[in-house]
Amino acid sequence: MKVVSLFIVLFVSSLLFFSCKTTKIPTCDNSVAAKLVNRNGLDGCGWAIELEEGGILEPLNLKEFDIKKKNNKKIWITYEETKGYVSICMIGPIIKVKCISDR
């Protein structure tokens, strides 16, 4: 009976251990530190990205990323500046985010 009980405990434990899914934390290579800032109070503005080193960016494609938007949330991003876009907000360069991570 002890052997059967031990086997059941080991079997159930191994099922629990190996069935846990791990999620890979997204990281952005060569990213820069920044934070999300809510600029909805300014005419024509929405969410912007404030770089830690200074400067504010206007992202075109922030909705493409599954990231919870919270004012002053620390993030890491890679991006490229765009040409041919204009903004009503005019608080900084308009960019296309290539990668964004909050970890």
PDB file of N, CA and C in Angstrom:
ATOM      1  N   MET A   1       0.814  -1.190   0.000  1.00  0.00           N
ATOM      2  CA  MET A   1       0.000   0.000   0.000  1.00  0.00           C
ATOM      3  C   MET A   1       0.861   1.258   0.000  1.00  0.00           C
ATOM      4  N   LYS A   2       1.978   1.242   0.736  1.00  0.00           N
ATOM      5  CA  LYS A   2       2.872   2.411   0.774  1.00  0.00           C
ATOM      6  C   LYS A   2       3.451   2.695  -0.597  1.00  0.00           C
ATOM      7  N   VAL A   3       3.788   1.631  -1.334  1.00  0.00           N
ATOM      8  CA  VAL A   3       4.385   1.797  -2.653  1.00  0.00           C
ATOM      9  C   VAL A   3       3.375   2.424  -3.606  1.00  0.00           C
ATOM     10  N   VAL A   4       2.139   1.979  -3.567  1.00  0.00           N
ATOM     11  CA  VAL A   4       1.094   2.523  -4.435  1.00  0.00           C
ATOM     12  C   VAL A   4       0.834   3.987  -4.086  1.00  0.00           C
ATOM     13  N   SER A   5       0.756   4.315  -2.820  1.00  0.00           N
ATOM     14  CA  SER A   5       0.544   5.698  -2.384  1.00  0.00           C
ATOM     15  C   SER A   5       1.696   6.593  -2.829  1.00  0.00           C
ATOM     16  N   LEU A   6       2.915   6.112  -2.669  1.00  0.00           N
ATOM     17  CA  LEU A   6       4.091   6.866  -3.092  1.00  0.00           C
ATOM     18  C   LEU A   6       4.065   7.092  -4.596  1.00  0.00           C
ATOM     19  N   PHE A   7       3.699   6.045  -5.348  1.00  0.00           N
ATOM     20  CA  PHE A   7       3.622   6.162  -6.801  1.00  0.00           C
ATOM     21  C   PHE A   7       2.585   7.212  -7.200  1.00  0.00           C
ATOM     22  N   ILE A   8       1.420   7.198  -6.565  1.00  0.00           N
ATOM     23  CA  ILE A   8       0.359   8.158  -6.883  1.00  0.00           C
ATOM     24  C   ILE A   8       0.808   9.584  -6.576  1.00  0.00           C
ATOM     25  N   VAL A   9       1.442   9.793  -5.443  1.00  0.00           N
ATOM     26  CA  VAL A   9       1.929  11.115  -5.060  1.00  0.00           C
ATOM     27  C   VAL A   9       2.974  11.602  -6.066  1.00  0.00           C
ATOM     28  N   LEU A  10       3.903  10.741  -6.444  1.00  0.00           N
ATOM     29  CA  LEU A  10       4.932  11.126  -7.415  1.00  0.00           C
ATOM     30  C   LEU A  10       4.326  11.413  -8.786  1.00  0.00           C
ATOM     31  N   PHE A  11       3.352  10.605  -9.178  1.00  0.00           N
ATOM     32  CA  PHE A  11       2.712  10.792 -10.472  1.00  0.00           C
ATOM     33  C   PHE A  11       1.957  12.125 -10.522  1.00  0.00           C
ATOM     34  N   VAL A  12       1.166  12.398  -9.522  1.00  0.00           N
ATOM     35  CA  VAL A  12       0.405  13.655  -9.473  1.00  0.00           C
ATOM     36  C   VAL A  12       1.350  14.855  -9.388  1.00  0.00           C
ATOM     37  N   SER A  13       2.398  14.736  -8.593  1.00  0.00           N
ATOM     38  CA  SER A  13       3.376  15.829  -8.478  1.00  0.00           C
ATOM     39  C   SER A  13       4.050  16.110  -9.804  1.00  0.00           C
ATOM     40  N   SER A  14       4.421  15.060 -10.525  1.00  0.00           N
ATOM     41  CA  SER A  14       5.088  15.256 -11.813  1.00  0.00           C
ATOM     42  C   SER A  14       4.127  15.867 -12.830  1.00  0.00           C
ATOM     43  N   LEU A  15       2.848  15.474 -12.785  1.00  0.00           N
ATOM     44  CA  LEU A  15       1.871  16.092 -13.681  1.00  0.00           C
ATOM     45  C   LEU A  15       1.738  17.581 -13.412  1.00  0.00           C
ATOM     46  N   LEU A  16       1.660  17.946 -12.161  1.00  0.00           N
ATOM     47  CA  LEU A  16       1.546  19.359 -11.811  1.00  0.00           C
ATOM     48  C   LEU A  16       2.786  20.142 -12.204  1.00  0.00           C
ATOM     49  N   PHE A  17       3.933  19.563 -11.971  1.00  0.00           N
ATOM     50  CA  PHE A  17       5.189  20.247 -12.268  1.00  0.00           C
ATOM     51  C   PHE A  17       5.372  20.463 -13.765  1.00  0.00           C
ATOM     52  N   PHE A  18       5.133  19.424 -14.567  1.00  0.00           N
ATOM     53  CA  PHE A  18       5.390  19.519 -15.992  1.00  0.00           C
ATOM     54  C   PHE A  18       4.249  20.158 -16.781  1.00  0.00           C
ATOM     55  N   SER A  19       3.097  20.325 -16.169  1.00  0.00           N
ATOM     56  CA  SER A  19       1.988  20.947 -16.885  1.00  0.00           C
ATOM     57  C   SER A  19       2.002  22.466 -16.768  1.00  0.00           C
ATOM     58  N   CYS A  20       2.843  23.020 -15.916  1.00  0.00           N
ATOM     59  CA  CYS A  20       2.928  24.472 -15.773  1.00  0.00           C
ATOM     60  C   CYS A  20       3.525  25.072 -17.029  1.00  0.00           C
ATOM     61  N   LYS A  21       2.858  26.070 -17.559  1.00  0.00           N
ATOM     62  CA  LYS A  21       3.363  26.756 -18.747  1.00  0.00           C
ATOM     63  C   LYS A  21       4.167  27.953 -18.309  1.00  0.00           C
ATOM     64  N   THR A  22       5.275  28.139 -18.954  1.00  0.00           N
ATOM     65  CA  THR A  22       6.062  29.336 -18.695  1.00  0.00           C
ATOM     66  C   THR A  22       5.887  30.268 -19.884  1.00  0.00           C
ATOM     67  N   THR A  23       5.739  31.512 -19.603  1.00  0.00           N
ATOM     68  CA  THR A  23       5.609  32.483 -20.676  1.00  0.00           C
ATOM     69  C   THR A  23       6.924  33.231 -20.816  1.00  0.00           C
ATOM     70  N   LYS A  24       7.337  33.337 -22.039  1.00  0.00           N
ATOM     71  CA  LYS A  24       8.576  34.044 -22.316  1.00  0.00           C
ATOM     72  C   LYS A  24       8.332  35.540 -22.185  1.00  0.00           C
ATOM     73  N   ILE A  25       9.146  36.186 -21.389  1.00  0.00           N
ATOM     74  CA  ILE A  25       9.030  37.630 -21.215  1.00  0.00           C
ATOM     75  C   ILE A  25       9.615  38.306 -22.451  1.00  0.00           C
ATOM     76  N   PRO A  26       8.811  39.127 -23.121  1.00  0.00           N
ATOM     77  CA  PRO A  26       9.335  39.778 -24.312  1.00  0.00           C
ATOM     78  C   PRO A  26      10.429  40.784 -23.950  1.00  0.00           C
ATOM     79  N   THR A  27      11.485  40.724 -24.674  1.00  0.00           N
ATOM     80  CA  THR A  27      12.563  41.692 -24.483  1.00  0.00           C
ATOM     81  C   THR A  27      12.875  42.319 -25.839  1.00  0.00           C
ATOM     82  N   CYS A  28      13.334  43.512 -25.792  1.00  0.00           N
ATOM     83  CA  CYS A  28      13.669  44.230 -27.013  1.00  0.00           C
ATOM     84  C   CYS A  28      15.175  44.437 -27.060  1.00  0.00           C
ATOM     85  N   ASP A  29      15.823  43.866 -28.062  1.00  0.00           N
ATOM     86  CA  ASP A  29      17.260  44.057 -28.224  1.00  0.00           C
ATOM     87  C   ASP A  29      17.561  45.514 -28.549  1.00  0.00           C
ATOM     88  N   ASN A  30      18.620  46.028 -27.977  1.00  0.00           N
ATOM     89  CA  ASN A  30      19.078  47.404 -28.217  1.00  0.00           C
ATOM     90  C   ASN A  30      17.992  48.435 -27.912  1.00  0.00           C
ATOM     91  N   SER A  31      17.226  48.192 -26.877  1.00  0.00           N
ATOM     92  CA  SER A  31      16.121  49.087 -26.532  1.00  0.00           C
ATOM     93  C   SER A  31      16.603  50.253 -25.671  1.00  0.00           C
ATOM     94  N   VAL A  32      15.750  51.250 -25.578  1.00  0.00           N
ATOM     95  CA  VAL A  32      16.018  52.409 -24.730  1.00  0.00           C
ATOM     96  C   VAL A  32      14.938  52.482 -23.652  1.00  0.00           C
ATOM     97  N   ALA A  33      15.323  52.976 -22.487  1.00  0.00           N
ATOM     98  CA  ALA A  33      14.380  53.113 -21.373  1.00  0.00           C
ATOM     99  C   ALA A  33      13.482  54.316 -21.620  1.00  0.00           C
ATOM    100  N   ALA A  34      12.219  54.148 -21.267  1.00  0.00           N
ATOM    101  CA  ALA A  34      11.241  55.218 -21.467  1.00  0.00           C
ATOM    102  C   ALA A  34      10.070  54.994 -20.522  1.00  0.00           C
ATOM    103  N   LYS A  35       9.061  55.842 -20.662  1.00  0.00           N
ATOM    104  CA  LYS A  35       7.820  55.632 -19.918  1.00  0.00           C
ATOM    105  C   LYS A  35       6.645  56.103 -20.766  1.00  0.00           C
ATOM    106  N   LEU A  36       5.504  55.450 -20.557  1.00  0.00           N
ATOM    107  CA  LEU A  36       4.277  55.862 -21.225  1.00  0.00           C
ATOM    108  C   LEU A  36       3.711  57.078 -20.507  1.00  0.00           C
ATOM    109  N   VAL A  37       3.275  58.055 -21.247  1.00  0.00           N
ATOM    110  CA  VAL A  37       2.654  59.233 -20.645  1.00  0.00           C
ATOM    111  C   VAL A  37       1.334  59.516 -21.360  1.00  0.00           C
ATOM    112  N   ASN A  38       0.321  59.796 -20.570  1.00  0.00           N
ATOM    113  CA  ASN A  38      -1.000  60.075 -21.102  1.00  0.00           C
ATOM    114  C   ASN A  38      -1.122  61.574 -21.369  1.00  0.00           C
ATOM    115  N   ARG A  39      -1.210  61.933 -22.636  1.00  0.00           N
ATOM    116  CA  ARG A  39      -1.316  63.345 -23.032  1.00  0.00           C
ATOM    117  C   ARG A  39      -2.702  63.669 -23.583  1.00  0.00           C
ATOM    118  N   ASN A  40      -3.716  62.920 -23.149  1.00  0.00           N
ATOM    119  CA  ASN A  40      -5.084  63.151 -23.632  1.00  0.00           C
ATOM    120  C   ASN A  40      -5.600  64.536 -23.288  1.00  0.00           C
ATOM    121  N   GLY A  41      -5.034  65.197 -22.311  1.00  0.00           N
ATOM    122  CA  GLY A  41      -5.467  66.537 -21.940  1.00  0.00           C
ATOM    123  C   GLY A  41      -5.083  67.602 -22.954  1.00  0.00           C
ATOM    124  N   LEU A  42      -4.124  67.322 -23.803  1.00  0.00           N
ATOM    125  CA  LEU A  42      -3.710  68.272 -24.836  1.00  0.00           C
ATOM    126  C   LEU A  42      -4.500  68.013 -26.113  1.00  0.00           C
ATOM    127  N   ASP A  43      -4.837  69.059 -26.838  1.00  0.00           N
ATOM    128  CA  ASP A  43      -5.613  68.907 -28.071  1.00  0.00           C
ATOM    129  C   ASP A  43      -4.916  67.986 -29.060  1.00  0.00           C
ATOM    130  N   GLY A  44      -5.649  66.987 -29.529  1.00  0.00           N
ATOM    131  CA  GLY A  44      -5.138  66.092 -30.559  1.00  0.00           C
ATOM    132  C   GLY A  44      -4.132  65.077 -30.078  1.00  0.00           C
ATOM    133  N   CYS A  45      -3.905  64.998 -28.781  1.00  0.00           N
ATOM    134  CA  CYS A  45      -2.893  64.082 -28.259  1.00  0.00           C
ATOM    135  C   CYS A  45      -3.533  62.839 -27.661  1.00  0.00           C
ATOM    136  N   GLY A  46      -2.735  61.816 -27.522  1.00  0.00           N
ATOM    137  CA  GLY A  46      -3.134  60.581 -26.869  1.00  0.00           C
ATOM    138  C   GLY A  46      -1.972  60.099 -26.018  1.00  0.00           C
ATOM    139  N   TRP A  47      -1.630  58.837 -26.166  1.00  0.00           N
ATOM    140  CA  TRP A  47      -0.495  58.283 -25.438  1.00  0.00           C
ATOM    141  C   TRP A  47       0.796  58.667 -26.142  1.00  0.00           C
ATOM    142  N   ALA A  48       1.765  59.061 -25.361  1.00  0.00           N
ATOM    143  CA  ALA A  48       3.082  59.413 -25.879  1.00  0.00           C
ATOM    144  C   ALA A  48       4.128  58.605 -25.116  1.00  0.00           C
ATOM    145  N   ILE A  49       5.344  58.654 -25.600  1.00  0.00           N
ATOM    146  CA  ILE A  49       6.455  57.954 -24.959  1.00  0.00           C
ATOM    147  C   ILE A  49       7.520  58.979 -24.608  1.00  0.00           C
ATOM    148  N   GLU A  50       7.841  59.042 -23.332  1.00  0.00           N
ATOM    149  CA  GLU A  50       8.871  59.961 -22.853  1.00  0.00           C
ATOM    150  C   GLU A  50      10.155  59.173 -22.618  1.00  0.00           C
ATOM    151  N   LEU A  51      11.193  59.529 -23.355  1.00  0.00           N
ATOM    152  CA  LEU A  51      12.467  58.832 -23.226  1.00  0.00           C
ATOM    153  C   LEU A  51      13.148  59.203 -21.915  1.00  0.00           C
ATOM    154  N   GLU A  52      13.818  58.235 -21.315  1.00  0.00           N
ATOM    155  CA  GLU A  52      14.527  58.486 -20.055  1.00  0.00           C
ATOM    156  C   GLU A  52      15.642  59.506 -20.254  1.00  0.00           C
ATOM    157  N   GLU A  53      16.249  59.483 -21.418  1.00  0.00           N
ATOM    158  CA  GLU A  53      17.345  60.411 -21.712  1.00  0.00           C
ATOM    159  C   GLU A  53      16.851  61.793 -22.134  1.00  0.00           C
ATOM    160  N   GLY A  54      15.524  61.946 -22.220  1.00  0.00           N
ATOM    161  CA  GLY A  54      14.934  63.223 -22.601  1.00  0.00           C
ATOM    162  C   GLY A  54      14.283  63.161 -23.965  1.00  0.00           C
ATOM    163  N   GLY A  55      13.219  63.868 -24.123  1.00  0.00           N
ATOM    164  CA  GLY A  55      12.491  63.905 -25.380  1.00  0.00           C
ATOM    165  C   GLY A  55      11.196  63.113 -25.288  1.00  0.00           C
ATOM    166  N   ILE A  56      10.218  63.545 -26.072  1.00  0.00           N
ATOM    167  CA  ILE A  56       8.921  62.887 -26.119  1.00  0.00           C
ATOM    168  C   ILE A  56       8.660  62.445 -27.550  1.00  0.00           C
ATOM    169  N   LEU A  57       8.132  61.232 -27.694  1.00  0.00           N
ATOM    170  CA  LEU A  57       7.852  60.650 -28.995  1.00  0.00           C
ATOM    171  C   LEU A  57       6.352  60.419 -29.142  1.00  0.00           C
ATOM    172  N   GLU A  58       5.861  60.570 -30.373  1.00  0.00           N
ATOM    173  CA  GLU A  58       4.467  60.282 -30.677  1.00  0.00           C
ATOM    174  C   GLU A  58       4.399  58.982 -31.475  1.00  0.00           C
ATOM    175  N   PRO A  59       3.937  57.895 -30.843  1.00  0.00           N
ATOM    176  CA  PRO A  59       3.888  56.617 -31.556  1.00  0.00           C
ATOM    177  C   PRO A  59       2.672  56.509 -32.468  1.00  0.00           C
ATOM    178  N   LEU A  60       2.894  55.964 -33.665  1.00  0.00           N
ATOM    179  CA  LEU A  60       1.805  55.733 -34.611  1.00  0.00           C
ATOM    180  C   LEU A  60       1.059  54.433 -34.314  1.00  0.00           C
ATOM    181  N   ASN A  61       1.775  53.417 -33.873  1.00  0.00           N
ATOM    182  CA  ASN A  61       1.232  52.064 -33.841  1.00  0.00           C
ATOM    183  C   ASN A  61       1.208  51.439 -32.443  1.00  0.00           C
ATOM    184  N   LEU A  62       0.998  52.210 -31.428  1.00  0.00           N
ATOM    185  CA  LEU A  62       1.008  51.686 -30.061  1.00  0.00           C
ATOM    186  C   LEU A  62      -0.091  50.642 -29.845  1.00  0.00           C
ATOM    187  N   LYS A  63      -1.206  50.767 -30.563  1.00  0.00           N
ATOM    188  CA  LYS A  63      -2.319  49.826 -30.419  1.00  0.00           C
ATOM    189  C   LYS A  63      -1.976  48.417 -30.922  1.00  0.00           C
ATOM    190  N   GLU A  64      -0.923  48.294 -31.706  1.00  0.00           N
ATOM    191  CA  GLU A  64      -0.522  46.984 -32.227  1.00  0.00           C
ATOM    192  C   GLU A  64       0.102  46.091 -31.158  1.00  0.00           C
ATOM    193  N   PHE A  65       0.457  46.660 -30.026  1.00  0.00           N
ATOM    194  CA  PHE A  65       1.161  45.920 -28.987  1.00  0.00           C
ATOM    195  C   PHE A  65       0.247  45.659 -27.799  1.00  0.00           C
ATOM    196  N   ASP A  66       0.359  44.465 -27.270  1.00  0.00           N
ATOM    197  CA  ASP A  66      -0.465  44.058 -26.129  1.00  0.00           C
ATOM    198  C   ASP A  66       0.238  44.475 -24.840  1.00  0.00           C
ATOM    199  N   ILE A  67       0.117  45.739 -24.512  1.00  0.00           N
ATOM    200  CA  ILE A  67       0.747  46.269 -23.307  1.00  0.00           C
ATOM    201  C   ILE A  67      -0.285  47.115 -22.568  1.00  0.00           C
ATOM    202  N   LYS A  68      -0.355  46.926 -21.276  1.00  0.00           N
ATOM    203  CA  LYS A  68      -1.312  47.683 -20.473  1.00  0.00           C
ATOM    204  C   LYS A  68      -0.827  49.123 -20.373  1.00  0.00           C
ATOM    205  N   LYS A  69      -1.686  50.032 -20.767  1.00  0.00           N
ATOM    206  CA  LYS A  69      -1.311  51.454 -20.737  1.00  0.00           C
ATOM    207  C   LYS A  69      -1.627  52.032 -19.364  1.00  0.00           C
ATOM    208  N   LYS A  70      -0.598  52.551 -18.736  1.00  0.00           N
ATOM    209  CA  LYS A  70      -0.722  53.191 -17.429  1.00  0.00           C
ATOM    210  C   LYS A  70       0.214  54.389 -17.435  1.00  0.00           C
ATOM    211  N   ASN A  71      -0.273  55.524 -16.970  1.00  0.00           N
ATOM    212  CA  ASN A  71       0.536  56.741 -16.978  1.00  0.00           C
ATOM    213  C   ASN A  71       1.815  56.542 -16.173  1.00  0.00           C
ATOM    214  N   ASN A  72       2.932  56.970 -16.733  1.00  0.00           N
ATOM    215  CA  ASN A  72       4.274  56.879 -16.143  1.00  0.00           C
ATOM    216  C   ASN A  72       4.779  55.456 -15.989  1.00  0.00           C
ATOM    217  N   LYS A  73       4.233  54.530 -16.750  1.00  0.00           N
ATOM    218  CA  LYS A  73       4.691  53.136 -16.714  1.00  0.00           C
ATOM    219  C   LYS A  73       6.040  53.023 -17.404  1.00  0.00           C
ATOM    220  N   LYS A  74       7.000  52.402 -16.726  1.00  0.00           N
ATOM    221  CA  LYS A  74       8.345  52.231 -17.277  1.00  0.00           C
ATOM    222  C   LYS A  74       8.298  51.168 -18.369  1.00  0.00           C
ATOM    223  N   ILE A  75       8.905  51.486 -19.504  1.00  0.00           N
ATOM    224  CA  ILE A  75       8.960  50.567 -20.638  1.00  0.00           C
ATOM    225  C   ILE A  75      10.340  50.625 -21.283  1.00  0.00           C
ATOM    226  N   TRP A  76      10.588  49.673 -22.172  1.00  0.00           N
ATOM    227  CA  TRP A  76      11.779  49.663 -23.013  1.00  0.00           C
ATOM    228  C   TRP A  76      11.296  49.509 -24.438  1.00  0.00           C
ATOM    229  N   ILE A  77      11.831  50.322 -25.335  1.00  0.00           N
ATOM    230  CA  ILE A  77      11.355  50.295 -26.718  1.00  0.00           C
ATOM    231  C   ILE A  77      12.503  50.349 -27.713  1.00  0.00           C
ATOM    232  N   THR A  78      12.192  49.848 -28.894  1.00  0.00           N
ATOM    233  CA  THR A  78      12.988  50.128 -30.077  1.00  0.00           C
ATOM    234  C   THR A  78      12.008  50.756 -31.071  1.00  0.00           C
ATOM    235  N   TYR A  79      12.489  51.687 -31.840  1.00  0.00           N
ATOM    236  CA  TYR A  79      11.592  52.429 -32.724  1.00  0.00           C
ATOM    237  C   TYR A  79      12.366  52.998 -33.887  1.00  0.00           C
ATOM    238  N   GLU A  80      11.609  53.483 -34.873  1.00  0.00           N
ATOM    239  CA  GLU A  80      12.222  54.214 -35.982  1.00  0.00           C
ATOM    240  C   GLU A  80      11.375  55.454 -36.256  1.00  0.00           C
ATOM    241  N   GLU A  81      12.051  56.536 -36.546  1.00  0.00           N
ATOM    242  CA  GLU A  81      11.342  57.776 -36.880  1.00  0.00           C
ATOM    243  C   GLU A  81      10.721  57.621 -38.261  1.00  0.00           C
ATOM    244  N   THR A  82       9.563  58.245 -38.424  1.00  0.00           N
ATOM    245  CA  THR A  82       8.854  58.141 -39.690  1.00  0.00           C
ATOM    246  C   THR A  82       8.936  59.477 -40.442  1.00  0.00           C
ATOM    247  N   LYS A  83       8.721  59.403 -41.695  1.00  0.00           N
ATOM    248  CA  LYS A  83       8.694  60.595 -42.546  1.00  0.00           C
ATOM    249  C   LYS A  83       7.316  60.676 -43.193  1.00  0.00           C
ATOM    250  N   GLY A  84       6.866  61.862 -43.473  1.00  0.00           N
ATOM    251  CA  GLY A  84       5.620  62.055 -44.201  1.00  0.00           C
ATOM    252  C   GLY A  84       4.366  62.060 -43.349  1.00  0.00           C
ATOM    253  N   TYR A  85       4.500  62.074 -42.036  1.00  0.00           N
ATOM    254  CA  TYR A  85       3.339  62.147 -41.147  1.00  0.00           C
ATOM    255  C   TYR A  85       3.335  63.498 -40.451  1.00  0.00           C
ATOM    256  N   VAL A  86       2.141  64.002 -40.207  1.00  0.00           N
ATOM    257  CA  VAL A  86       1.998  65.230 -39.436  1.00  0.00           C
ATOM    258  C   VAL A  86       1.095  64.930 -38.243  1.00  0.00           C
ATOM    259  N   SER A  87       1.207  65.749 -37.212  1.00  0.00           N
ATOM    260  CA  SER A  87       0.446  65.522 -35.999  1.00  0.00           C
ATOM    261  C   SER A  87      -0.182  66.826 -35.531  1.00  0.00           C
ATOM    262  N   ILE A  88      -1.390  66.716 -35.022  1.00  0.00           N
ATOM    263  CA  ILE A  88      -2.036  67.872 -34.404  1.00  0.00           C
ATOM    264  C   ILE A  88      -1.379  68.158 -33.060  1.00  0.00           C
ATOM    265  N   CYS A  89      -0.962  67.099 -32.390  1.00  0.00           N
ATOM    266  CA  CYS A  89      -0.402  67.204 -31.046  1.00  0.00           C
ATOM    267  C   CYS A  89       0.934  67.966 -31.031  1.00  0.00           C
ATOM    268  N   MET A  90       1.815  67.632 -31.935  1.00  0.00           N
ATOM    269  CA  MET A  90       3.114  68.299 -32.106  1.00  0.00           C
ATOM    270  C   MET A  90       3.957  68.384 -30.827  1.00  0.00           C
ATOM    271  N   ILE A  91       4.079  67.263 -30.111  1.00  0.00           N
ATOM    272  CA  ILE A  91       4.921  67.283 -28.905  1.00  0.00           C
ATOM    273  C   ILE A  91       6.262  66.600 -29.119  1.00  0.00           C
ATOM    274  N   GLY A  92       6.434  65.966 -30.284  1.00  0.00           N
ATOM    275  CA  GLY A  92       7.702  65.309 -30.549  1.00  0.00           C
ATOM    276  C   GLY A  92       7.671  64.594 -31.879  1.00  0.00           C
ATOM    277  N   PRO A  93       8.783  63.958 -32.221  1.00  0.00           N
ATOM    278  CA  PRO A  93       8.853  63.208 -33.487  1.00  0.00           C
ATOM    279  C   PRO A  93       7.828  62.081 -33.511  1.00  0.00           C
ATOM    280  N   ILE A  94       7.285  61.828 -34.695  1.00  0.00           N
ATOM    281  CA  ILE A  94       6.347  60.726 -34.883  1.00  0.00           C
ATOM    282  C   ILE A  94       7.165  59.478 -35.206  1.00  0.00           C
ATOM    283  N   ILE A  95       6.880  58.397 -34.479  1.00  0.00           N
ATOM    284  CA  ILE A  95       7.676  57.178 -34.616  1.00  0.00           C
ATOM    285  C   ILE A  95       6.793  55.961 -34.865  1.00  0.00           C
ATOM    286  N   LYS A  96       7.424  54.921 -35.363  1.00  0.00           N
ATOM    287  CA  LYS A  96       6.798  53.604 -35.465  1.00  0.00           C
ATOM    288  C   LYS A  96       7.532  52.721 -34.449  1.00  0.00           C
ATOM    289  N   VAL A  97       6.787  52.189 -33.482  1.00  0.00           N
ATOM    290  CA  VAL A  97       7.379  51.317 -32.468  1.00  0.00           C
ATOM    291  C   VAL A  97       7.652  49.960 -33.117  1.00  0.00           C
ATOM    292  N   LYS A  98       8.874  49.466 -32.955  1.00  0.00           N
ATOM    293  CA  LYS A  98       9.236  48.152 -33.494  1.00  0.00           C
ATOM    294  C   LYS A  98       9.086  47.082 -32.421  1.00  0.00           C
ATOM    295  N   CYS A  99       9.414  47.428 -31.178  1.00  0.00           N
ATOM    296  CA  CYS A  99       9.324  46.486 -30.070  1.00  0.00           C
ATOM    297  C   CYS A  99       9.081  47.288 -28.801  1.00  0.00           C
ATOM    298  N   ILE A 100       8.237  46.735 -27.910  1.00  0.00           N
ATOM    299  CA  ILE A 100       7.976  47.393 -26.642  1.00  0.00           C
ATOM    300  C   ILE A 100       7.862  46.324 -25.566  1.00  0.00           C
ATOM    301  N   SER A 101       8.450  46.600 -24.416  1.00  0.00           N
ATOM    302  CA  SER A 101       8.430  45.648 -23.312  1.00  0.00           C
ATOM    303  C   SER A 101       8.306  46.415 -22.004  1.00  0.00           C
ATOM    304  N   ASP A 102       7.598  45.827 -21.049  1.00  0.00           N
ATOM    305  CA  ASP A 102       7.513  46.463 -19.742  1.00  0.00           C
ATOM    306  C   ASP A 102       8.269  45.673 -18.695  1.00  0.00           C
ATOM    307  N   ARG A 103       9.164  44.819 -19.116  1.00  0.00           N
ATOM    308  CA  ARG A 103       9.963  44.001 -18.202  1.00  0.00           C
ATOM    309  C   ARG A 103      11.417  44.053 -18.560  1.00  0.00           C
TER     310      ARG A 103
END
